[in-house]
Amino acid sequence: MNRVQLTASVVELQPLRYTPAGVPALEFSISHESEVQEAGQSRRVSFEARAIALGNIAHLLADIPLGSQLQLEGFLAAARLGSSRLILHVQKAERLFPGSGSAVV
């Protein structure tokens, strides 16, 4: 199974583009920080990653402000054929609003 679920901040947002097939595509960078348990020990995790949203999700995220917190779900795939770099393909995104809940985008 290839499924990723995490909360992250948007740190970079590329302009909305369209694939050769006419599908909207939005590439962006995310930053994540959390504390997890590993082998009975607390571990601080911090990383930045690339993400892409296609179709309706790309349209909905296209004007999201930098720094916005998102709950993301998707899968990991090679950035391009033959690449060892991974990119998160977003299938579901929910914007988190401090103190007032969330909204699905």
PDB file of N, CA and C in Angstrom:
ATOM      1  N   MET A   1       0.839  -1.176   0.000  1.00  0.00           N
ATOM      2  CA  MET A   1       0.000   0.000   0.000  1.00  0.00           C
ATOM      3  C   MET A   1       0.889   1.245   0.000  1.00  0.00           C
ATOM      4  N   ASN A   2       0.501   2.231  -0.762  1.00  0.00           N
ATOM      5  CA  ASN A   2       1.236   3.486  -0.879  1.00  0.00           C
ATOM      6  C   ASN A   2       0.257   4.606  -0.530  1.00  0.00           C
ATOM      7  N   ARG A   3       0.227   4.997   0.745  1.00  0.00           N
ATOM      8  CA  ARG A   3      -0.691   6.027   1.216  1.00  0.00           C
ATOM      9  C   ARG A   3       0.024   6.918   2.222  1.00  0.00           C
ATOM     10  N   VAL A   4      -0.089   8.225   2.024  1.00  0.00           N
ATOM     11  CA  VAL A   4       0.551   9.187   2.911  1.00  0.00           C
ATOM     12  C   VAL A   4      -0.528  10.126   3.446  1.00  0.00           C
ATOM     13  N   GLN A   5      -0.456  10.398   4.735  1.00  0.00           N
ATOM     14  CA  GLN A   5      -1.347  11.363   5.364  1.00  0.00           C
ATOM     15  C   GLN A   5      -0.496  12.207   6.312  1.00  0.00           C
ATOM     16  N   LEU A   6      -0.515  13.526   6.134  1.00  0.00           N
ATOM     17  CA  LEU A   6       0.273  14.393   7.006  1.00  0.00           C
ATOM     18  C   LEU A   6      -0.261  15.803   7.005  1.00  0.00           C
ATOM     19  N   THR A   7       0.140  16.539   8.033  1.00  0.00           N
ATOM     20  CA  THR A   7      -0.163  17.960   8.139  1.00  0.00           C
ATOM     21  C   THR A   7       1.106  18.710   7.764  1.00  0.00           C
ATOM     22  N   ALA A   8       0.966  19.735   6.931  1.00  0.00           N
ATOM     23  CA  ALA A   8       2.140  20.471   6.472  1.00  0.00           C
ATOM     24  C   ALA A   8       1.767  21.908   6.146  1.00  0.00           C
ATOM     25  N   SER A   9       2.780  22.760   6.084  1.00  0.00           N
ATOM     26  CA  SER A   9       2.615  24.162   5.690  1.00  0.00           C
ATOM     27  C   SER A   9       3.077  24.330   4.247  1.00  0.00           C
ATOM     28  N   VAL A  10       2.397  25.174   3.512  1.00  0.00           N
ATOM     29  CA  VAL A  10       2.791  25.484   2.136  1.00  0.00           C
ATOM     30  C   VAL A  10       3.926  26.499   2.196  1.00  0.00           C
ATOM     31  N   VAL A  11       5.089  26.148   1.627  1.00  0.00           N
ATOM     32  CA  VAL A  11       6.240  27.058   1.665  1.00  0.00           C
ATOM     33  C   VAL A  11       6.614  27.612   0.291  1.00  0.00           C
ATOM     34  N   GLU A  12       6.109  26.990  -0.759  1.00  0.00           N
ATOM     35  CA  GLU A  12       6.361  27.486  -2.119  1.00  0.00           C
ATOM     36  C   GLU A  12       5.207  27.024  -2.990  1.00  0.00           C
ATOM     37  N   LEU A  13       4.782  27.892  -3.899  1.00  0.00           N
ATOM     38  CA  LEU A  13       3.644  27.579  -4.764  1.00  0.00           C
ATOM     39  C   LEU A  13       3.982  28.024  -6.183  1.00  0.00           C
ATOM     40  N   GLN A  14       4.004  27.081  -7.111  1.00  0.00           N
ATOM     41  CA  GLN A  14       4.257  27.405  -8.511  1.00  0.00           C
ATOM     42  C   GLN A  14       2.949  27.862  -9.159  1.00  0.00           C
ATOM     43  N   PRO A  15       3.035  28.567 -10.273  1.00  0.00           N
ATOM     44  CA  PRO A  15       1.808  28.951 -10.982  1.00  0.00           C
ATOM     45  C   PRO A  15       1.065  27.711 -11.500  1.00  0.00           C
ATOM     46  N   LEU A  16      -0.254  27.806 -11.529  1.00  0.00           N
ATOM     47  CA  LEU A  16      -1.069  26.728 -12.087  1.00  0.00           C
ATOM     48  C   LEU A  16      -0.697  26.537 -13.546  1.00  0.00           C
ATOM     49  N   ARG A  17      -0.523  25.280 -13.956  1.00  0.00           N
ATOM     50  CA  ARG A  17      -0.208  24.980 -15.355  1.00  0.00           C
ATOM     51  C   ARG A  17      -1.136  23.860 -15.809  1.00  0.00           C
ATOM     52  N   TYR A  18      -1.023  23.507 -17.069  1.00  0.00           N
ATOM     53  CA  TYR A  18      -1.843  22.434 -17.630  1.00  0.00           C
ATOM     54  C   TYR A  18      -0.939  21.409 -18.296  1.00  0.00           C
ATOM     55  N   THR A  19      -1.246  20.136 -18.097  1.00  0.00           N
ATOM     56  CA  THR A  19      -0.478  19.068 -18.728  1.00  0.00           C
ATOM     57  C   THR A  19      -0.791  19.071 -20.228  1.00  0.00           C
ATOM     58  N   PRO A  20       0.004  18.358 -21.037  1.00  0.00           N
ATOM     59  CA  PRO A  20      -0.307  18.278 -22.476  1.00  0.00           C
ATOM     60  C   PRO A  20      -1.726  17.742 -22.753  1.00  0.00           C
ATOM     61  N   ALA A  21      -2.269  16.968 -21.800  1.00  0.00           N
ATOM     62  CA  ALA A  21      -3.630  16.444 -21.956  1.00  0.00           C
ATOM     63  C   ALA A  21      -4.689  17.436 -21.478  1.00  0.00           C
ATOM     64  N   GLY A  22      -4.262  18.623 -21.007  1.00  0.00           N
ATOM     65  CA  GLY A  22      -5.193  19.652 -20.576  1.00  0.00           C
ATOM     66  C   GLY A  22      -5.640  19.549 -19.127  1.00  0.00           C
ATOM     67  N   VAL A  23      -4.953  18.731 -18.326  1.00  0.00           N
ATOM     68  CA  VAL A  23      -5.306  18.564 -16.917  1.00  0.00           C
ATOM     69  C   VAL A  23      -4.598  19.642 -16.097  1.00  0.00           C
ATOM     70  N   PRO A  24      -5.326  20.374 -15.242  1.00  0.00           N
ATOM     71  CA  PRO A  24      -4.685  21.366 -14.385  1.00  0.00           C
ATOM     72  C   PRO A  24      -3.682  20.691 -13.439  1.00  0.00           C
ATOM     73  N   ALA A  25      -2.521  21.316 -13.251  1.00  0.00           N
ATOM     74  CA  ALA A  25      -1.478  20.767 -12.380  1.00  0.00           C
ATOM     75  C   ALA A  25      -0.875  21.903 -11.555  1.00  0.00           C
ATOM     76  N   LEU A  26      -0.713  21.638 -10.265  1.00  0.00           N
ATOM     77  CA  LEU A  26      -0.137  22.632  -9.370  1.00  0.00           C
ATOM     78  C   LEU A  26       0.976  21.970  -8.569  1.00  0.00           C
ATOM     79  N   GLU A  27       2.194  22.464  -8.740  1.00  0.00           N
ATOM     80  CA  GLU A  27       3.325  21.950  -7.974  1.00  0.00           C
ATOM     81  C   GLU A  27       3.607  22.918  -6.839  1.00  0.00           C
ATOM     82  N   PHE A  28       3.924  22.360  -5.668  1.00  0.00           N
ATOM     83  CA  PHE A  28       4.211  23.189  -4.512  1.00  0.00           C
ATOM     84  C   PHE A  28       5.137  22.455  -3.561  1.00  0.00           C
ATOM     85  N   SER A  29       5.718  23.199  -2.633  1.00  0.00           N
ATOM     86  CA  SER A  29       6.583  22.620  -1.609  1.00  0.00           C
ATOM     87  C   SER A  29       5.892  22.734  -0.268  1.00  0.00           C
ATOM     88  N   ILE A  30       6.103  21.718   0.556  1.00  0.00           N
ATOM     89  CA  ILE A  30       5.507  21.694   1.887  1.00  0.00           C
ATOM     90  C   ILE A  30       6.590  21.492   2.932  1.00  0.00           C
ATOM     91  N   SER A  31       6.291  21.934   4.140  1.00  0.00           N
ATOM     92  CA  SER A  31       7.182  21.764   5.281  1.00  0.00           C
ATOM     93  C   SER A  31       6.387  21.078   6.385  1.00  0.00           C
ATOM     94  N   HIS A  32       6.999  20.073   7.007  1.00  0.00           N
ATOM     95  CA  HIS A  32       6.323  19.317   8.065  1.00  0.00           C
ATOM     96  C   HIS A  32       7.224  19.234   9.293  1.00  0.00           C
ATOM     97  N   GLU A  33       6.619  19.386  10.473  1.00  0.00           N
ATOM     98  CA  GLU A  33       7.321  19.194  11.739  1.00  0.00           C
ATOM     99  C   GLU A  33       6.390  18.462  12.688  1.00  0.00           C
ATOM    100  N   SER A  34       6.906  17.437  13.347  1.00  0.00           N
ATOM    101  CA  SER A  34       6.095  16.716  14.335  1.00  0.00           C
ATOM    102  C   SER A  34       7.010  15.931  15.262  1.00  0.00           C
ATOM    103  N   GLU A  35       6.383  15.332  16.251  1.00  0.00           N
ATOM    104  CA  GLU A  35       7.081  14.442  17.167  1.00  0.00           C
ATOM    105  C   GLU A  35       6.401  13.086  17.063  1.00  0.00           C
ATOM    106  N   VAL A  36       7.187  12.036  16.844  1.00  0.00           N
ATOM    107  CA  VAL A  36       6.653  10.684  16.689  1.00  0.00           C
ATOM    108  C   VAL A  36       7.354   9.744  17.663  1.00  0.00           C
ATOM    109  N   GLN A  37       6.748   8.603  17.865  1.00  0.00           N
ATOM    110  CA  GLN A  37       7.349   7.577  18.704  1.00  0.00           C
ATOM    111  C   GLN A  37       8.003   6.536  17.802  1.00  0.00           C
ATOM    112  N   GLU A  38       9.245   6.201  18.101  1.00  0.00           N
ATOM    113  CA  GLU A  38       9.970   5.192  17.344  1.00  0.00           C
ATOM    114  C   GLU A  38      10.785   4.362  18.317  1.00  0.00           C
ATOM    115  N   ALA A  39      10.540   3.066  18.320  1.00  0.00           N
ATOM    116  CA  ALA A  39      11.241   2.141  19.217  1.00  0.00           C
ATOM    117  C   ALA A  39      11.138   2.596  20.667  1.00  0.00           C
ATOM    118  N   GLY A  40       9.953   3.090  21.043  1.00  0.00           N
ATOM    119  CA  GLY A  40       9.728   3.514  22.414  1.00  0.00           C
ATOM    120  C   GLY A  40      10.334   4.856  22.775  1.00  0.00           C
ATOM    121  N   GLN A  41      10.908   5.543  21.809  1.00  0.00           N
ATOM    122  CA  GLN A  41      11.540   6.845  22.056  1.00  0.00           C
ATOM    123  C   GLN A  41      10.833   7.935  21.258  1.00  0.00           C
ATOM    124  N   SER A  42      10.821   9.124  21.830  1.00  0.00           N
ATOM    125  CA  SER A  42      10.260  10.275  21.138  1.00  0.00           C
ATOM    126  C   SER A  42      11.292  10.798  20.138  1.00  0.00           C
ATOM    127  N   ARG A  43      10.831  11.098  18.929  1.00  0.00           N
ATOM    128  CA  ARG A  43      11.740  11.586  17.886  1.00  0.00           C
ATOM    129  C   ARG A  43      11.114  12.785  17.188  1.00  0.00           C
ATOM    130  N   ARG A  44      11.888  13.851  17.037  1.00  0.00           N
ATOM    131  CA  ARG A  44      11.443  15.051  16.336  1.00  0.00           C
ATOM    132  C   ARG A  44      11.694  14.850  14.841  1.00  0.00           C
ATOM    133  N   VAL A  45      10.659  15.089  14.032  1.00  0.00           N
ATOM    134  CA  VAL A  45      10.753  14.913  12.582  1.00  0.00           C
ATOM    135  C   VAL A  45      10.497  16.261  11.918  1.00  0.00           C
ATOM    136  N   SER A  46      11.348  16.633  10.993  1.00  0.00           N
ATOM    137  CA  SER A  46      11.207  17.889  10.273  1.00  0.00           C
ATOM    138  C   SER A  46      11.733  17.688   8.858  1.00  0.00           C
ATOM    139  N   PHE A  47      10.925  18.056   7.855  1.00  0.00           N
ATOM    140  CA  PHE A  47      11.392  17.915   6.473  1.00  0.00           C
ATOM    141  C   PHE A  47      10.599  18.823   5.548  1.00  0.00           C
ATOM    142  N   GLU A  48      11.156  19.035   4.373  1.00  0.00           N
ATOM    143  CA  GLU A  48      10.454  19.706   3.286  1.00  0.00           C
ATOM    144  C   GLU A  48      10.328  18.701   2.158  1.00  0.00           C
ATOM    145  N   ALA A  49       9.240  18.796   1.400  1.00  0.00           N
ATOM    146  CA  ALA A  49       9.001  17.868   0.305  1.00  0.00           C
ATOM    147  C   ALA A  49       8.273  18.582  -0.825  1.00  0.00           C
ATOM    148  N   ARG A  50       8.353  18.011  -1.992  1.00  0.00           N
ATOM    149  CA  ARG A  50       7.625  18.511  -3.152  1.00  0.00           C
ATOM    150  C   ARG A  50       6.287  17.789  -3.228  1.00  0.00           C
ATOM    151  N   ALA A  51       5.277  18.490  -3.726  1.00  0.00           N
ATOM    152  CA  ALA A  51       3.955  17.905  -3.884  1.00  0.00           C
ATOM    153  C   ALA A  51       3.353  18.391  -5.192  1.00  0.00           C
ATOM    154  N   ILE A  52       2.396  17.629  -5.694  1.00  0.00           N
ATOM    155  CA  ILE A  52       1.664  18.020  -6.898  1.00  0.00           C
ATOM    156  C   ILE A  52       0.202  17.660  -6.713  1.00  0.00           C
ATOM    157  N   ALA A  53      -0.653  18.556  -7.171  1.00  0.00           N
ATOM    158  CA  ALA A  53      -2.093  18.317  -7.168  1.00  0.00           C
ATOM    159  C   ALA A  53      -2.571  18.440  -8.610  1.00  0.00           C
ATOM    160  N   LEU A  54      -3.450  17.545  -9.010  1.00  0.00           N
ATOM    161  CA  LEU A  54      -3.980  17.545 -10.377  1.00  0.00           C
ATOM    162  C   LEU A  54      -5.492  17.714 -10.355  1.00  0.00           C
ATOM    163  N   GLY A  55      -6.040  18.209 -11.457  1.00  0.00           N
ATOM    164  CA  GLY A  55      -7.488  18.316 -11.597  1.00  0.00           C
ATOM    165  C   GLY A  55      -8.095  19.377 -10.696  1.00  0.00           C
ATOM    166  N   ASN A  56      -9.269  19.061 -10.130  1.00  0.00           N
ATOM    167  CA  ASN A  56      -9.996  20.023  -9.299  1.00  0.00           C
ATOM    168  C   ASN A  56      -9.201  20.477  -8.083  1.00  0.00           C
ATOM    169  N   ILE A  57      -8.425  19.581  -7.481  1.00  0.00           N
ATOM    170  CA  ILE A  57      -7.629  19.949  -6.307  1.00  0.00           C
ATOM    171  C   ILE A  57      -6.606  21.019  -6.686  1.00  0.00           C
ATOM    172  N   ALA A  58      -6.033  20.919  -7.877  1.00  0.00           N
ATOM    173  CA  ALA A  58      -5.075  21.940  -8.336  1.00  0.00           C
ATOM    174  C   ALA A  58      -5.752  23.303  -8.413  1.00  0.00           C
ATOM    175  N   HIS A  59      -6.958  23.354  -8.978  1.00  0.00           N
ATOM    176  CA  HIS A  59      -7.695  24.630  -9.060  1.00  0.00           C
ATOM    177  C   HIS A  59      -7.983  25.191  -7.673  1.00  0.00           C
ATOM    178  N   LEU A  60      -8.385  24.335  -6.753  1.00  0.00           N
ATOM    179  CA  LEU A  60      -8.763  24.788  -5.420  1.00  0.00           C
ATOM    180  C   LEU A  60      -7.580  25.280  -4.591  1.00  0.00           C
ATOM    181  N   LEU A  61      -6.388  24.726  -4.857  1.00  0.00           N
ATOM    182  CA  LEU A  61      -5.196  25.127  -4.098  1.00  0.00           C
ATOM    183  C   LEU A  61      -4.399  26.240  -4.781  1.00  0.00           C
ATOM    184  N   ALA A  62      -4.746  26.590  -5.993  1.00  0.00           N
ATOM    185  CA  ALA A  62      -3.926  27.502  -6.808  1.00  0.00           C
ATOM    186  C   ALA A  62      -3.661  28.852  -6.158  1.00  0.00           C
ATOM    187  N   ASP A  63      -4.578  29.345  -5.340  1.00  0.00           N
ATOM    188  CA  ASP A  63      -4.375  30.669  -4.742  1.00  0.00           C
ATOM    189  C   ASP A  63      -4.264  30.610  -3.222  1.00  0.00           C
ATOM    190  N   ILE A  64      -3.894  29.465  -2.687  1.00  0.00           N
ATOM    191  CA  ILE A  64      -3.756  29.322  -1.242  1.00  0.00           C
ATOM    192  C   ILE A  64      -2.547  30.135  -0.763  1.00  0.00           C
ATOM    193  N   PRO A  65      -2.680  30.877   0.317  1.00  0.00           N
ATOM    194  CA  PRO A  65      -1.558  31.705   0.789  1.00  0.00           C
ATOM    195  C   PRO A  65      -0.384  30.856   1.307  1.00  0.00           C
ATOM    196  N   LEU A  66       0.824  31.353   1.087  1.00  0.00           N
ATOM    197  CA  LEU A  66       1.998  30.699   1.657  1.00  0.00           C
ATOM    198  C   LEU A  66       1.851  30.676   3.171  1.00  0.00           C
ATOM    199  N   GLY A  67       2.307  29.604   3.786  1.00  0.00           N
ATOM    200  CA  GLY A  67       2.195  29.460   5.228  1.00  0.00           C
ATOM    201  C   GLY A  67       0.928  28.753   5.663  1.00  0.00           C
ATOM    202  N   SER A  68      -0.010  28.564   4.748  1.00  0.00           N
ATOM    203  CA  SER A  68      -1.255  27.870   5.094  1.00  0.00           C
ATOM    204  C   SER A  68      -0.965  26.452   5.550  1.00  0.00           C
ATOM    205  N   GLN A  69      -1.696  26.020   6.571  1.00  0.00           N
ATOM    206  CA  GLN A  69      -1.586  24.647   7.079  1.00  0.00           C
ATOM    207  C   GLN A  69      -2.591  23.775   6.349  1.00  0.00           C
ATOM    208  N   LEU A  70      -2.128  22.623   5.858  1.00  0.00           N
ATOM    209  CA  LEU A  70      -2.994  21.688   5.151  1.00  0.00           C
ATOM    210  C   LEU A  70      -2.892  20.296   5.758  1.00  0.00           C
ATOM    211  N   GLN A  71      -4.008  19.590   5.773  1.00  0.00           N
ATOM    212  CA  GLN A  71      -4.018  18.156   6.053  1.00  0.00           C
ATOM    213  C   GLN A  71      -4.070  17.514   4.675  1.00  0.00           C
ATOM    214  N   LEU A  72      -3.031  16.763   4.315  1.00  0.00           N
ATOM    215  CA  LEU A  72      -2.909  16.205   2.974  1.00  0.00           C
ATOM    216  C   LEU A  72      -2.989  14.686   2.992  1.00  0.00           C
ATOM    217  N   GLU A  73      -3.593  14.128   1.964  1.00  0.00           N
ATOM    218  CA  GLU A  73      -3.603  12.689   1.747  1.00  0.00           C
ATOM    219  C   GLU A  73      -3.243  12.437   0.291  1.00  0.00           C
ATOM    220  N   GLY A  74      -2.467  11.390   0.069  1.00  0.00           N
ATOM    221  CA  GLY A  74      -2.086  11.063  -1.290  1.00  0.00           C
ATOM    222  C   GLY A  74      -1.153   9.878  -1.323  1.00  0.00           C
ATOM    223  N   PHE A  75      -0.316   9.840  -2.349  1.00  0.00           N
ATOM    224  CA  PHE A  75       0.634   8.745  -2.513  1.00  0.00           C
ATOM    225  C   PHE A  75       1.959   9.287  -3.020  1.00  0.00           C
ATOM    226  N   LEU A  76       3.023   8.517  -2.827  1.00  0.00           N
ATOM    227  CA  LEU A  76       4.355   8.893  -3.296  1.00  0.00           C
ATOM    228  C   LEU A  76       4.649   8.216  -4.628  1.00  0.00           C
ATOM    229  N   ALA A  77       5.291   8.959  -5.510  1.00  0.00           N
ATOM    230  CA  ALA A  77       5.710   8.410  -6.808  1.00  0.00           C
ATOM    231  C   ALA A  77       6.999   9.112  -7.222  1.00  0.00           C
ATOM    232  N   ALA A  78       7.707   8.500  -8.143  1.00  0.00           N
ATOM    233  CA  ALA A  78       8.923   9.116  -8.681  1.00  0.00           C
ATOM    234  C   ALA A  78       8.551  10.440  -9.340  1.00  0.00           C
ATOM    235  N   ALA A  79       9.417  11.432  -9.181  1.00  0.00           N
ATOM    236  CA  ALA A  79       9.165  12.758  -9.750  1.00  0.00           C
ATOM    237  C   ALA A  79       9.008  12.684 -11.272  1.00  0.00           C
ATOM    238  N   ARG A  80       9.745  11.800 -11.880  1.00  0.00           N
ATOM    239  CA  ARG A  80       9.627  11.532 -13.328  1.00  0.00           C
ATOM    240  C   ARG A  80      10.185  10.158 -13.605  1.00  0.00           C
ATOM    241  N   LEU A  81       9.913   9.636 -14.736  1.00  0.00           N
ATOM    242  CA  LEU A  81      10.340   8.290 -15.104  1.00  0.00           C
ATOM    243  C   LEU A  81      11.842   8.116 -14.898  1.00  0.00           C
ATOM    244  N   GLY A  82      12.231   7.111 -14.139  1.00  0.00           N
ATOM    245  CA  GLY A  82      13.638   6.816 -13.901  1.00  0.00           C
ATOM    246  C   GLY A  82      14.280   7.619 -12.778  1.00  0.00           C
ATOM    247  N   SER A  83      13.540   8.527 -12.155  1.00  0.00           N
ATOM    248  CA  SER A  83      14.081   9.364 -11.085  1.00  0.00           C
ATOM    249  C   SER A  83      13.977   8.637  -9.751  1.00  0.00           C
ATOM    250  N   SER A  84      14.926   8.916  -8.850  1.00  0.00           N
ATOM    251  CA  SER A  84      14.845   8.364  -7.499  1.00  0.00           C
ATOM    252  C   SER A  84      14.221   9.380  -6.533  1.00  0.00           C
ATOM    253  N   ARG A  85      13.988  10.607  -6.992  1.00  0.00           N
ATOM    254  CA  ARG A  85      13.322  11.627  -6.173  1.00  0.00           C
ATOM    255  C   ARG A  85      11.835  11.328  -6.097  1.00  0.00           C
ATOM    256  N   LEU A  86      11.267  11.491  -4.909  1.00  0.00           N
ATOM    257  CA  LEU A  86       9.851  11.243  -4.708  1.00  0.00           C
ATOM    258  C   LEU A  86       9.075  12.543  -4.630  1.00  0.00           C
ATOM    259  N   ILE A  87       7.812  12.485  -5.036  1.00  0.00           N
ATOM    260  CA  ILE A  87       6.922  13.630  -4.947  1.00  0.00           C
ATOM    261  C   ILE A  87       5.576  13.125  -4.414  1.00  0.00           C
ATOM    262  N   LEU A  88       4.963  13.922  -3.536  1.00  0.00           N
ATOM    263  CA  LEU A  88       3.663  13.571  -2.984  1.00  0.00           C
ATOM    264  C   LEU A  88       2.575  13.980  -3.970  1.00  0.00           C
ATOM    265  N   HIS A  89       1.792  13.022  -4.437  1.00  0.00           N
ATOM    266  CA  HIS A  89       0.651  13.289  -5.310  1.00  0.00           C
ATOM    267  C   HIS A  89      -0.574  13.444  -4.413  1.00  0.00           C
ATOM    268  N   VAL A  90      -1.079  14.660  -4.320  1.00  0.00           N
ATOM    269  CA  VAL A  90      -2.168  14.982  -3.397  1.00  0.00           C
ATOM    270  C   VAL A  90      -3.506  14.558  -4.002  1.00  0.00           C
ATOM    271  N   GLN A  91      -4.233  13.741  -3.259  1.00  0.00           N
ATOM    272  CA  GLN A  91      -5.555  13.297  -3.678  1.00  0.00           C
ATOM    273  C   GLN A  91      -6.665  13.946  -2.848  1.00  0.00           C
ATOM    274  N   LYS A  92      -6.297  14.448  -1.681  1.00  0.00           N
ATOM    275  CA  LYS A  92      -7.255  15.118  -0.810  1.00  0.00           C
ATOM    276  C   LYS A  92      -6.500  16.171  -0.020  1.00  0.00           C
ATOM    277  N   ALA A  93      -7.089  17.348   0.112  1.00  0.00           N
ATOM    278  CA  ALA A  93      -6.461  18.432   0.885  1.00  0.00           C
ATOM    279  C   ALA A  93      -7.526  19.127   1.710  1.00  0.00           C
ATOM    280  N   GLU A  94      -7.174  19.410   2.943  1.00  0.00           N
ATOM    281  CA  GLU A  94      -8.061  20.106   3.858  1.00  0.00           C
ATOM    282  C   GLU A  94      -7.270  21.236   4.488  1.00  0.00           C
ATOM    283  N   ARG A  95      -7.757  22.466   4.345  1.00  0.00           N
ATOM    284  CA  ARG A  95      -7.064  23.610   4.939  1.00  0.00           C
ATOM    285  C   ARG A  95      -7.434  23.702   6.410  1.00  0.00           C
ATOM    286  N   LEU A  96      -6.418  23.844   7.256  1.00  0.00           N
ATOM    287  CA  LEU A  96      -6.623  23.939   8.689  1.00  0.00           C
ATOM    288  C   LEU A  96      -6.573  25.405   9.107  1.00  0.00           C
ATOM    289  N   PHE A  97      -7.578  25.837   9.842  1.00  0.00           N
ATOM    290  CA  PHE A  97      -7.641  27.214  10.323  1.00  0.00           C
ATOM    291  C   PHE A  97      -7.446  27.197  11.829  1.00  0.00           C
ATOM    292  N   PRO A  98      -6.418  27.868  12.349  1.00  0.00           N
ATOM    293  CA  PRO A  98      -6.163  27.870  13.792  1.00  0.00           C
ATOM    294  C   PRO A  98      -7.387  28.335  14.582  1.00  0.00           C
ATOM    295  N   GLY A  99      -7.820  27.490  15.509  1.00  0.00           N
ATOM    296  CA  GLY A  99      -8.900  27.836  16.409  1.00  0.00           C
ATOM    297  C   GLY A  99     -10.296  27.804  15.822  1.00  0.00           C
ATOM    298  N   SER A 100     -10.421  27.607  14.504  1.00  0.00           N
ATOM    299  CA  SER A 100     -11.778  27.638  13.939  1.00  0.00           C
ATOM    300  C   SER A 100     -12.098  26.442  13.056  1.00  0.00           C
ATOM    301  N   GLY A 101     -11.299  25.389  13.109  1.00  0.00           N
ATOM    302  CA  GLY A 101     -11.639  24.198  12.347  1.00  0.00           C
ATOM    303  C   GLY A 101     -10.912  24.108  11.031  1.00  0.00           C
ATOM    304  N   SER A 102     -11.589  23.483  10.061  1.00  0.00           N
ATOM    305  CA  SER A 102     -10.953  23.227   8.778  1.00  0.00           C
ATOM    306  C   SER A 102     -11.968  23.329   7.663  1.00  0.00           C
ATOM    307  N   ALA A 103     -11.455  23.344   6.434  1.00  0.00           N
ATOM    308  CA  ALA A 103     -12.302  23.363   5.247  1.00  0.00           C
ATOM    309  C   ALA A 103     -11.660  22.475   4.207  1.00  0.00           C
ATOM    310  N   VAL A 104     -12.447  21.618   3.589  1.00  0.00           N
ATOM    311  CA  VAL A 104     -11.929  20.734   2.548  1.00  0.00           C
ATOM    312  C   VAL A 104     -11.758  21.546   1.273  1.00  0.00           C
ATOM    313  N   VAL A 105     -10.582  21.374   0.649  1.00  0.00           N
ATOM    314  CA  VAL A 105     -10.324  22.029  -0.638  1.00  0.00           C
ATOM    315  C   VAL A 105     -10.047  20.987  -1.680  1.00  0.00           C
TER     316      VAL A 105
END
